[in-house]
Structure formats: structure tokens, C-alpha cells
Amino acid sequence: MRALFIWILTAAICFPYSSRVNSGSSEECGAEGKSCFEYGATVFQNRCSLCHGSDGLGEGVLALSIKNYPNTNLLEPKHGKTYRDVEYIIRYGGGTNNNSRRKAVSKEMPPWGDELTVAQMESVANFVIYLRSDTDEATKLLRKISATLKPSLRIGRAIYLGRCSLCHGSLGLGDGKMSRIIKNPPPFNLTLSRAPDAYLNEMIHKGGKEMGRSPRMPPFGEDLTKSEIASVIMFIKTLRE
């Protein structure tokens, strides 16, 4: 039941972007349709960031929203350490059968063999290896691509519940678990906020201290993409009374 629930939630959040990222890689990787890092990063952002996070560090919206979700940080691989193994896991997913490449992988890892083209799977596998070997440059590429993704209320809600509700509460009332500890000032009641989008963007990006507000409000500019911050703002505005 847990696996089925995750599949349904994945479809609800991810599939509205596109039923298929691209039928081939020719537009991104040349007329011959060869695998390349940029194309792999594009497919990764559209299909994999939901669990692995927009930078591959395992802070995707599903990983943050579901209790006891498996570690999805691609920089801490317990399996799939070679290109061949990574491509195999992408194609066939995780499971408990006798294949040594799959049995150690969480069953929450879905098979993409029927959803992605060969070029897409190969490109993502190549990009994962690139991410591990040159993390800084690969992260820059991911952020470049993420800047082109449209904000989403679904994504904003998931990020808010995973990162913000601990202080601000699930309904934005400032009554999250940390409100028992954080005093003077306490977490802000977001239902009372009428701040414009530009101010909210700065607050989330820079944190409270840089904005002359509570130093307990951390900066998220290094952790969230522009699209993700815009998505959080979209959700915050739904909490207003």
C-alpha cells in the first residue's frame, strides 16, 4: 500500500509537467541523438527531482513529505555506483528479486523503462555519474535548468510542509513544533501576512537576520531554486485569512 500511495502521489505532482519529457534527444544533444549531460540534467529535473531533489541531495518534495522515506541523496550512493548499474536501476527500478543490482534498492524507486527513451535513460545515468565526479559544475547545470521550470502550487505545498511547517505550522498559524522552543519573537503567523511577493522572496532567500527580522528564520537561497521559492510563495498566499 505504501508503494502504491507513493506512485499515486508521484503521478499527481510530476506528470502534469509532461507525459513524456521528449521523444528523443536530438534537440538537446545533436542530430544523432547521443547522450549528454545537459539533456540528462533536463530529464532529471523533470522526472527525478521529486524524490532526489533539484540538486540531487535527496531533499525532494516526496522525501521531505513522507515519514521514513529512504535516503535519496545521490552523493551518498549505497548501490548504483557505476554507470552500468545506475542505468540498470533507472530502467528497471528497485525491488527484492534475485538481481543484485535491484535487490538492495528501495522498492520506492520506480522503473522508468516504459516511460523514458533509451537516450533519456542513458543521459540521466551519465548525468548522475557526472554529478558525483564534478558536483559543483553539475549543480550549476541543474540550477540553470531549474530556472526554466514553472512554479507549482503542489510543489510549494510539499516544500512548505517539509521545511516550513516545523516552525510556522501546517496551516501557517505559527504553531509548529518548534514554536515551543522559539520565543521572542515566536514563529510568525503567516495567515496574517500581507507582504508582497518580492518581500517574501527576499525573506525566504536571505533569511530573517538579513531582513531585520527574527534570526531564527534561516536562509533558503542555497537550498531552494527560484522556481521552488516561487512555489512556496504561491502556497503561503493560500494560507492568508
C-alpha atoms as a PDB file:
ATOM      1  CA  MET A   1       0.000   0.000   0.000  1.00  0.00           C
ATOM      2  CA  ARG A   2       2.855   2.393   0.799  1.00  0.00           C
ATOM      3  CA  ALA A   3       4.410   1.818  -2.631  1.00  0.00           C
ATOM      4  CA  LEU A   4       1.025   2.342  -4.345  1.00  0.00           C
ATOM      5  CA  PHE A   5       0.461   5.574  -2.398  1.00  0.00           C
ATOM      6  CA  ILE A   6       3.859   6.898  -3.457  1.00  0.00           C
ATOM      7  CA  TRP A   7       3.163   6.029  -7.085  1.00  0.00           C
ATOM      8  CA  ILE A   8      -0.148   7.916  -6.972  1.00  0.00           C
ATOM      9  CA  LEU A   9       1.432  10.938  -5.289  1.00  0.00           C
ATOM     10  CA  THR A  10       4.292  10.905  -7.778  1.00  0.00           C
ATOM     11  CA  ALA A  11       1.858  10.914 -10.674  1.00  0.00           C
ATOM     12  CA  ALA A  12      -0.205  13.731  -9.168  1.00  0.00           C
ATOM     13  CA  ILE A  13       2.801  16.007  -8.697  1.00  0.00           C
ATOM     14  CA  CYS A  14       5.091  15.065 -11.534  1.00  0.00           C
ATOM     15  CA  PHE A  15       3.041  14.102 -14.566  1.00  0.00           C
ATOM     16  CA  PRO A  16       1.300  17.472 -15.099  1.00  0.00           C
ATOM     17  CA  TYR A  17       4.604  18.745 -16.500  1.00  0.00           C
ATOM     18  CA  SER A  18       4.520  16.336 -19.403  1.00  0.00           C
ATOM     19  CA  SER A  19       3.545  12.785 -20.148  1.00  0.00           C
ATOM     20  CA  ARG A  20       6.912  12.398 -21.841  1.00  0.00           C
ATOM     21  CA  VAL A  21       9.806  14.813 -21.444  1.00  0.00           C
ATOM     22  CA  ASN A  22      10.901  14.435 -25.040  1.00  0.00           C
ATOM     23  CA  SER A  23      10.592  11.692 -27.592  1.00  0.00           C
ATOM     24  CA  GLY A  24      14.296  11.842 -28.258  1.00  0.00           C
ATOM     25  CA  SER A  25      17.449  13.759 -27.521  1.00  0.00           C
ATOM     26  CA  SER A  26      18.123  15.300 -30.923  1.00  0.00           C
ATOM     27  CA  GLU A  27      17.095  18.839 -29.920  1.00  0.00           C
ATOM     28  CA  GLU A  28      19.300  18.787 -26.864  1.00  0.00           C
ATOM     29  CA  CYS A  29      22.210  16.577 -27.925  1.00  0.00           C
ATOM     30  CA  GLY A  30      22.610  16.889 -31.671  1.00  0.00           C
ATOM     31  CA  ALA A  31      21.130  15.242 -34.727  1.00  0.00           C
ATOM     32  CA  GLU A  32      22.500  11.820 -33.800  1.00  0.00           C
ATOM     33  CA  GLY A  33      20.589  11.804 -30.514  1.00  0.00           C
ATOM     34  CA  LYS A  34      23.629  10.964 -28.390  1.00  0.00           C
ATOM     35  CA  SER A  35      23.531  11.107 -24.602  1.00  0.00           C
ATOM     36  CA  CYS A  36      24.836  14.287 -22.996  1.00  0.00           C
ATOM     37  CA  PHE A  37      24.988  15.888 -19.560  1.00  0.00           C
ATOM     38  CA  GLU A  38      22.663  18.793 -20.303  1.00  0.00           C
ATOM     39  CA  TYR A  39      19.936  16.591 -21.685  1.00  0.00           C
ATOM     40  CA  GLY A  40      20.356  14.222 -18.742  1.00  0.00           C
ATOM     41  CA  ALA A  41      20.056  17.138 -16.318  1.00  0.00           C
ATOM     42  CA  THR A  42      16.870  18.297 -18.063  1.00  0.00           C
ATOM     43  CA  VAL A  43      15.242  14.869 -17.771  1.00  0.00           C
ATOM     44  CA  PHE A  44      16.477  14.615 -14.175  1.00  0.00           C
ATOM     45  CA  GLN A  45      14.805  17.888 -13.176  1.00  0.00           C
ATOM     46  CA  ASN A  46      11.509  16.839 -14.748  1.00  0.00           C
ATOM     47  CA  ARG A  47      11.389  13.236 -13.575  1.00  0.00           C
ATOM     48  CA  CYS A  48      13.836  12.599 -10.721  1.00  0.00           C
ATOM     49  CA  SER A  49      13.937  15.754  -8.591  1.00  0.00           C
ATOM     50  CA  LEU A  50      10.608  14.863  -6.965  1.00  0.00           C
ATOM     51  CA  CYS A  51      12.466  12.340  -4.801  1.00  0.00           C
ATOM     52  CA  HIS A  52      16.144  13.147  -5.246  1.00  0.00           C
ATOM     53  CA  GLY A  53      15.767  16.933  -5.007  1.00  0.00           C
ATOM     54  CA  SER A  54      16.571  19.604  -7.569  1.00  0.00           C
ATOM     55  CA  ASP A  55      20.274  19.280  -6.750  1.00  0.00           C
ATOM     56  CA  GLY A  56      20.369  15.508  -6.211  1.00  0.00           C
ATOM     57  CA  LEU A  57      20.974  15.797  -2.459  1.00  0.00           C
ATOM     58  CA  GLY A  58      17.887  13.842  -1.500  1.00  0.00           C
ATOM     59  CA  GLU A  59      15.679  16.756  -0.480  1.00  0.00           C
ATOM     60  CA  GLY A  60      12.901  16.227  -2.969  1.00  0.00           C
ATOM     61  CA  VAL A  61       9.338  17.030  -2.004  1.00  0.00           C
ATOM     62  CA  LEU A  62       8.395  13.364  -1.575  1.00  0.00           C
ATOM     63  CA  ALA A  63      11.452  12.638   0.531  1.00  0.00           C
ATOM     64  CA  LEU A  64      10.597  15.577   2.791  1.00  0.00           C
ATOM     65  CA  SER A  65       6.880  14.886   2.963  1.00  0.00           C
ATOM     66  CA  ILE A  66       6.752  11.159   3.728  1.00  0.00           C
ATOM     67  CA  LYS A  67       7.930   9.865   7.085  1.00  0.00           C
ATOM     68  CA  ASN A  68      10.793   7.350   6.994  1.00  0.00           C
ATOM     69  CA  TYR A  69      11.282   7.832   3.267  1.00  0.00           C
ATOM     70  CA  PRO A  70      14.510   6.156   2.057  1.00  0.00           C
ATOM     71  CA  ASN A  71      17.644   8.277   1.682  1.00  0.00           C
ATOM     72  CA  THR A  72      17.682   9.564  -1.904  1.00  0.00           C
ATOM     73  CA  ASN A  73      20.916  11.576  -1.751  1.00  0.00           C
ATOM     74  CA  LEU A  74      22.766  10.643  -4.939  1.00  0.00           C
ATOM     75  CA  LEU A  75      26.072  11.760  -3.454  1.00  0.00           C
ATOM     76  CA  GLU A  76      25.798   9.037  -0.819  1.00  0.00           C
ATOM     77  CA  PRO A  77      25.249   6.002  -3.041  1.00  0.00           C
ATOM     78  CA  LYS A  78      24.837   2.653  -1.322  1.00  0.00           C
ATOM     79  CA  HIS A  79      24.293   0.997  -4.676  1.00  0.00           C
ATOM     80  CA  GLY A  80      24.418   2.021  -8.313  1.00  0.00           C
ATOM     81  CA  LYS A  81      27.993   3.268  -8.138  1.00  0.00           C
ATOM     82  CA  THR A  82      28.881   2.586 -11.778  1.00  0.00           C
ATOM     83  CA  TYR A  83      27.262   3.902 -14.952  1.00  0.00           C
ATOM     84  CA  ARG A  84      26.085   0.413 -15.890  1.00  0.00           C
ATOM     85  CA  ASP A  85      24.403  -0.119 -12.516  1.00  0.00           C
ATOM     86  CA  VAL A  86      22.832   3.360 -12.464  1.00  0.00           C
ATOM     87  CA  GLU A  87      21.362   2.903 -15.941  1.00  0.00           C
ATOM     88  CA  TYR A  88      20.052  -0.545 -14.965  1.00  0.00           C
ATOM     89  CA  ILE A  89      18.334   0.806 -11.832  1.00  0.00           C
ATOM     90  CA  ILE A  90      16.776   3.681 -13.788  1.00  0.00           C
ATOM     91  CA  ARG A  91      15.460   1.234 -16.365  1.00  0.00           C
ATOM     92  CA  TYR A  92      14.137  -1.475 -14.021  1.00  0.00           C
ATOM     93  CA  GLY A  93      13.692   0.308 -10.676  1.00  0.00           C
ATOM     94  CA  GLY A  94      14.227  -1.116  -7.219  1.00  0.00           C
ATOM     95  CA  GLY A  95      12.960  -4.426  -5.954  1.00  0.00           C
ATOM     96  CA  THR A  96      13.636  -7.548  -3.994  1.00  0.00           C
ATOM     97  CA  ASN A  97      14.276 -10.087  -6.738  1.00  0.00           C
ATOM     98  CA  ASN A  98      17.465 -12.033  -7.134  1.00  0.00           C
ATOM     99  CA  ASN A  99      19.213  -9.460  -9.300  1.00  0.00           C
ATOM    100  CA  SER A 100      21.962  -7.957  -7.162  1.00  0.00           C
ATOM    101  CA  ARG A 101      21.614  -4.589  -8.867  1.00  0.00           C
ATOM    102  CA  ARG A 102      17.992  -4.232  -7.753  1.00  0.00           C
ATOM    103  CA  LYS A 103      17.549  -6.148  -4.540  1.00  0.00           C
ATOM    104  CA  ALA A 104      19.429  -3.569  -2.433  1.00  0.00           C
ATOM    105  CA  VAL A 105      17.481  -0.648  -3.941  1.00  0.00           C
ATOM    106  CA  SER A 106      14.315   0.558  -2.225  1.00  0.00           C
ATOM    107  CA  LYS A 107      11.121  -0.564  -3.942  1.00  0.00           C
ATOM    108  CA  GLU A 108      10.029   3.084  -3.887  1.00  0.00           C
ATOM    109  CA  MET A 109      12.429   3.603  -6.814  1.00  0.00           C
ATOM    110  CA  PRO A 110      10.109   3.148  -9.810  1.00  0.00           C
ATOM    111  CA  PRO A 111      11.124   1.571 -13.143  1.00  0.00           C
ATOM    112  CA  TRP A 112      11.382   4.095 -15.964  1.00  0.00           C
ATOM    113  CA  GLY A 113      11.944   1.681 -18.846  1.00  0.00           C
ATOM    114  CA  ASP A 114       8.400   2.133 -20.162  1.00  0.00           C
ATOM    115  CA  GLU A 115       8.306   5.895 -19.602  1.00  0.00           C
ATOM    116  CA  LEU A 116      11.662   7.163 -20.900  1.00  0.00           C
ATOM    117  CA  THR A 117      13.502   6.596 -24.152  1.00  0.00           C
ATOM    118  CA  VAL A 118      16.849   4.803 -24.235  1.00  0.00           C
ATOM    119  CA  ALA A 119      18.580   8.139 -24.872  1.00  0.00           C
ATOM    120  CA  GLN A 120      16.850   9.683 -21.853  1.00  0.00           C
ATOM    121  CA  MET A 121      17.811   6.861 -19.501  1.00  0.00           C
ATOM    122  CA  GLU A 122      21.403   6.829 -20.733  1.00  0.00           C
ATOM    123  CA  SER A 123      21.613  10.613 -20.418  1.00  0.00           C
ATOM    124  CA  VAL A 124      20.308  10.589 -16.837  1.00  0.00           C
ATOM    125  CA  ALA A 125      22.725   7.799 -15.889  1.00  0.00           C
ATOM    126  CA  ASN A 126      25.611   9.762 -17.389  1.00  0.00           C
ATOM    127  CA  PHE A 127      24.489  12.866 -15.543  1.00  0.00           C
ATOM    128  CA  VAL A 128      24.308  11.056 -12.181  1.00  0.00           C
ATOM    129  CA  ILE A 129      27.918   9.916 -12.629  1.00  0.00           C
ATOM    130  CA  TYR A 130      28.860  13.477 -13.629  1.00  0.00           C
ATOM    131  CA  LEU A 131      27.099  14.831 -10.530  1.00  0.00           C
ATOM    132  CA  ARG A 132      29.249  12.618  -8.330  1.00  0.00           C
ATOM    133  CA  SER A 133      32.523  13.367 -10.123  1.00  0.00           C
ATOM    134  CA  ASP A 134      32.107  17.155 -10.580  1.00  0.00           C
ATOM    135  CA  THR A 135      29.374  18.181  -8.160  1.00  0.00           C
ATOM    136  CA  ASP A 136      29.864  21.955  -8.425  1.00  0.00           C
ATOM    137  CA  GLU A 137      29.581  22.106 -12.212  1.00  0.00           C
ATOM    138  CA  ALA A 138      26.747  19.595 -12.311  1.00  0.00           C
ATOM    139  CA  THR A 139      24.832  21.577  -9.681  1.00  0.00           C
ATOM    140  CA  LYS A 140      25.262  24.761 -11.727  1.00  0.00           C
ATOM    141  CA  LEU A 141      23.765  22.949 -14.689  1.00  0.00           C
ATOM    142  CA  LEU A 142      20.817  21.732 -12.612  1.00  0.00           C
ATOM    143  CA  ARG A 143      20.127  25.235 -11.306  1.00  0.00           C
ATOM    144  CA  LYS A 144      20.307  26.671 -14.813  1.00  0.00           C
ATOM    145  CA  ILE A 145      17.677  24.209 -15.975  1.00  0.00           C
ATOM    146  CA  SER A 146      15.517  24.541 -12.851  1.00  0.00           C
ATOM    147  CA  ALA A 147      15.231  28.279 -13.500  1.00  0.00           C
ATOM    148  CA  THR A 148      13.182  27.446 -16.597  1.00  0.00           C
ATOM    149  CA  LEU A 149      10.642  25.296 -14.703  1.00  0.00           C
ATOM    150  CA  LYS A 150       7.293  26.855 -13.862  1.00  0.00           C
ATOM    151  CA  PRO A 151       6.297  27.318 -10.199  1.00  0.00           C
ATOM    152  CA  SER A 152       3.659  24.901  -8.924  1.00  0.00           C
ATOM    153  CA  LEU A 153       1.232  25.125  -6.019  1.00  0.00           C
ATOM    154  CA  ARG A 154       1.594  21.361  -5.468  1.00  0.00           C
ATOM    155  CA  ILE A 155       5.363  21.674  -5.191  1.00  0.00           C
ATOM    156  CA  GLY A 156       5.038  24.741  -2.962  1.00  0.00           C
ATOM    157  CA  ARG A 157       2.756  22.934  -0.542  1.00  0.00           C
ATOM    158  CA  ALA A 158       5.066  19.921  -0.348  1.00  0.00           C
ATOM    159  CA  ILE A 159       8.147  22.076   0.266  1.00  0.00           C
ATOM    160  CA  TYR A 160       6.294  24.150   2.857  1.00  0.00           C
ATOM    161  CA  LEU A 161       5.171  21.069   4.783  1.00  0.00           C
ATOM    162  CA  GLY A 162       8.660  19.610   4.624  1.00  0.00           C
ATOM    163  CA  ARG A 163      10.677  22.725   5.504  1.00  0.00           C
ATOM    164  CA  CYS A 164       8.470  25.462   6.938  1.00  0.00           C
ATOM    165  CA  SER A 165       5.687  23.816   8.935  1.00  0.00           C
ATOM    166  CA  LEU A 166       8.091  22.810  11.703  1.00  0.00           C
ATOM    167  CA  CYS A 167       8.049  26.440  12.843  1.00  0.00           C
ATOM    168  CA  HIS A 168       5.063  28.046  11.119  1.00  0.00           C
ATOM    169  CA  GLY A 169       2.675  25.103  11.484  1.00  0.00           C
ATOM    170  CA  SER A 170       0.862  23.168   8.776  1.00  0.00           C
ATOM    171  CA  LEU A 171      -1.788  25.889   8.494  1.00  0.00           C
ATOM    172  CA  GLY A 172       0.644  28.782   8.873  1.00  0.00           C
ATOM    173  CA  LEU A 173      -0.604  29.782  12.331  1.00  0.00           C
ATOM    174  CA  GLY A 174       2.885  29.930  13.829  1.00  0.00           C
ATOM    175  CA  ASP A 175       2.157  26.886  15.986  1.00  0.00           C
ATOM    176  CA  GLY A 176       4.652  24.358  14.621  1.00  0.00           C
ATOM    177  CA  LYS A 177       6.598  22.036  16.933  1.00  0.00           C
ATOM    178  CA  MET A 178       9.496  24.480  17.191  1.00  0.00           C
ATOM    179  CA  SER A 179       7.167  27.216  18.463  1.00  0.00           C
ATOM    180  CA  ARG A 180       7.508  25.607  21.897  1.00  0.00           C
ATOM    181  CA  ILE A 181      11.195  26.495  21.831  1.00  0.00           C
ATOM    182  CA  ILE A 182      11.464  29.586  19.645  1.00  0.00           C
ATOM    183  CA  LYS A 183      10.336  32.647  21.582  1.00  0.00           C
ATOM    184  CA  ASN A 184      10.927  36.383  21.404  1.00  0.00           C
ATOM    185  CA  PRO A 185       9.875  36.503  18.668  1.00  0.00           C
ATOM    186  CA  PRO A 186       7.868  33.330  18.045  1.00  0.00           C
ATOM    187  CA  PRO A 187       7.351  31.961  14.516  1.00  0.00           C
ATOM    188  CA  PHE A 188       5.219  34.367  12.516  1.00  0.00           C
ATOM    189  CA  ASN A 189       1.528  33.691  11.905  1.00  0.00           C
ATOM    190  CA  LEU A 190       1.556  33.571   8.107  1.00  0.00           C
ATOM    191  CA  THR A 191      -2.231  33.860   7.869  1.00  0.00           C
ATOM    192  CA  LEU A 192      -1.802  37.500   8.901  1.00  0.00           C
ATOM    193  CA  SER A 193       0.872  38.259   6.326  1.00  0.00           C
ATOM    194  CA  ARG A 194       0.094  40.680   3.525  1.00  0.00           C
ATOM    195  CA  ALA A 195       3.690  41.085   2.381  1.00  0.00           C
ATOM    196  CA  PRO A 196       4.161  41.340  -1.399  1.00  0.00           C
ATOM    197  CA  ASP A 197       5.798  38.553  -3.369  1.00  0.00           C
ATOM    198  CA  ALA A 198       9.086  40.435  -3.721  1.00  0.00           C
ATOM    199  CA  TYR A 199       9.436  40.755   0.050  1.00  0.00           C
ATOM    200  CA  LEU A 200       8.561  37.109   0.659  1.00  0.00           C
ATOM    201  CA  ASN A 201      11.098  36.094  -1.961  1.00  0.00           C
ATOM    202  CA  GLU A 202      13.840  38.075  -0.197  1.00  0.00           C
ATOM    203  CA  MET A 203      12.842  36.742   3.211  1.00  0.00           C
ATOM    204  CA  ILE A 204      12.952  33.125   2.067  1.00  0.00           C
ATOM    205  CA  HIS A 205      16.132  33.645   0.087  1.00  0.00           C
ATOM    206  CA  LYS A 206      18.110  35.704   2.631  1.00  0.00           C
ATOM    207  CA  GLY A 207      16.585  34.634   5.948  1.00  0.00           C
ATOM    208  CA  GLY A 208      15.292  36.714   8.846  1.00  0.00           C
ATOM    209  CA  LYS A 209      18.580  38.179  10.074  1.00  0.00           C
ATOM    210  CA  GLU A 210      19.459  39.792   6.725  1.00  0.00           C
ATOM    211  CA  MET A 211      15.960  41.244   6.530  1.00  0.00           C
ATOM    212  CA  GLY A 212      15.988  42.735  10.029  1.00  0.00           C
ATOM    213  CA  ARG A 213      13.571  40.134  11.321  1.00  0.00           C
ATOM    214  CA  SER A 214      13.965  37.050  13.509  1.00  0.00           C
ATOM    215  CA  PRO A 215      17.447  35.488  13.202  1.00  0.00           C
ATOM    216  CA  ARG A 216      15.781  32.105  13.772  1.00  0.00           C
ATOM    217  CA  MET A 217      14.348  32.267  10.246  1.00  0.00           C
ATOM    218  CA  PRO A 218      17.043  30.516   8.147  1.00  0.00           C
ATOM    219  CA  PRO A 219      18.011  31.494   4.592  1.00  0.00           C
ATOM    220  CA  PHE A 220      16.945  29.042   1.913  1.00  0.00           C
ATOM    221  CA  GLY A 221      18.582  30.682  -1.092  1.00  0.00           C
ATOM    222  CA  GLU A 222      21.257  27.998  -1.299  1.00  0.00           C
ATOM    223  CA  ASP A 223      18.807  25.132  -0.798  1.00  0.00           C
ATOM    224  CA  LEU A 224      15.832  26.056  -2.959  1.00  0.00           C
ATOM    225  CA  THR A 225      15.720  27.076  -6.604  1.00  0.00           C
ATOM    226  CA  LYS A 226      13.981  30.235  -7.806  1.00  0.00           C
ATOM    227  CA  SER A 227      11.098  28.134  -9.060  1.00  0.00           C
ATOM    228  CA  GLU A 228      10.802  26.324  -5.729  1.00  0.00           C
ATOM    229  CA  ILE A 229      10.807  29.600  -3.773  1.00  0.00           C
ATOM    230  CA  ALA A 230       8.136  30.965  -6.095  1.00  0.00           C
ATOM    231  CA  SER A 231       6.142  27.781  -5.499  1.00  0.00           C
ATOM    232  CA  VAL A 232       6.395  28.225  -1.717  1.00  0.00           C
ATOM    233  CA  ILE A 233       5.190  31.824  -2.050  1.00  0.00           C
ATOM    234  CA  MET A 234       2.194  30.624  -4.066  1.00  0.00           C
ATOM    235  CA  PHE A 235       1.277  28.263  -1.237  1.00  0.00           C
ATOM    236  CA  ILE A 236       1.869  30.801   1.551  1.00  0.00           C
ATOM    237  CA  LYS A 237      -0.619  33.144  -0.112  1.00  0.00           C
ATOM    238  CA  THR A 238      -3.297  30.437   0.134  1.00  0.00           C
ATOM    239  CA  LEU A 239      -2.917  30.461   3.931  1.00  0.00           C
ATOM    240  CA  ARG A 240      -3.941  34.089   4.304  1.00  0.00           C
ATOM    241  CA  GLU A 241      -7.226  34.767   6.056  1.00  0.00           C
END
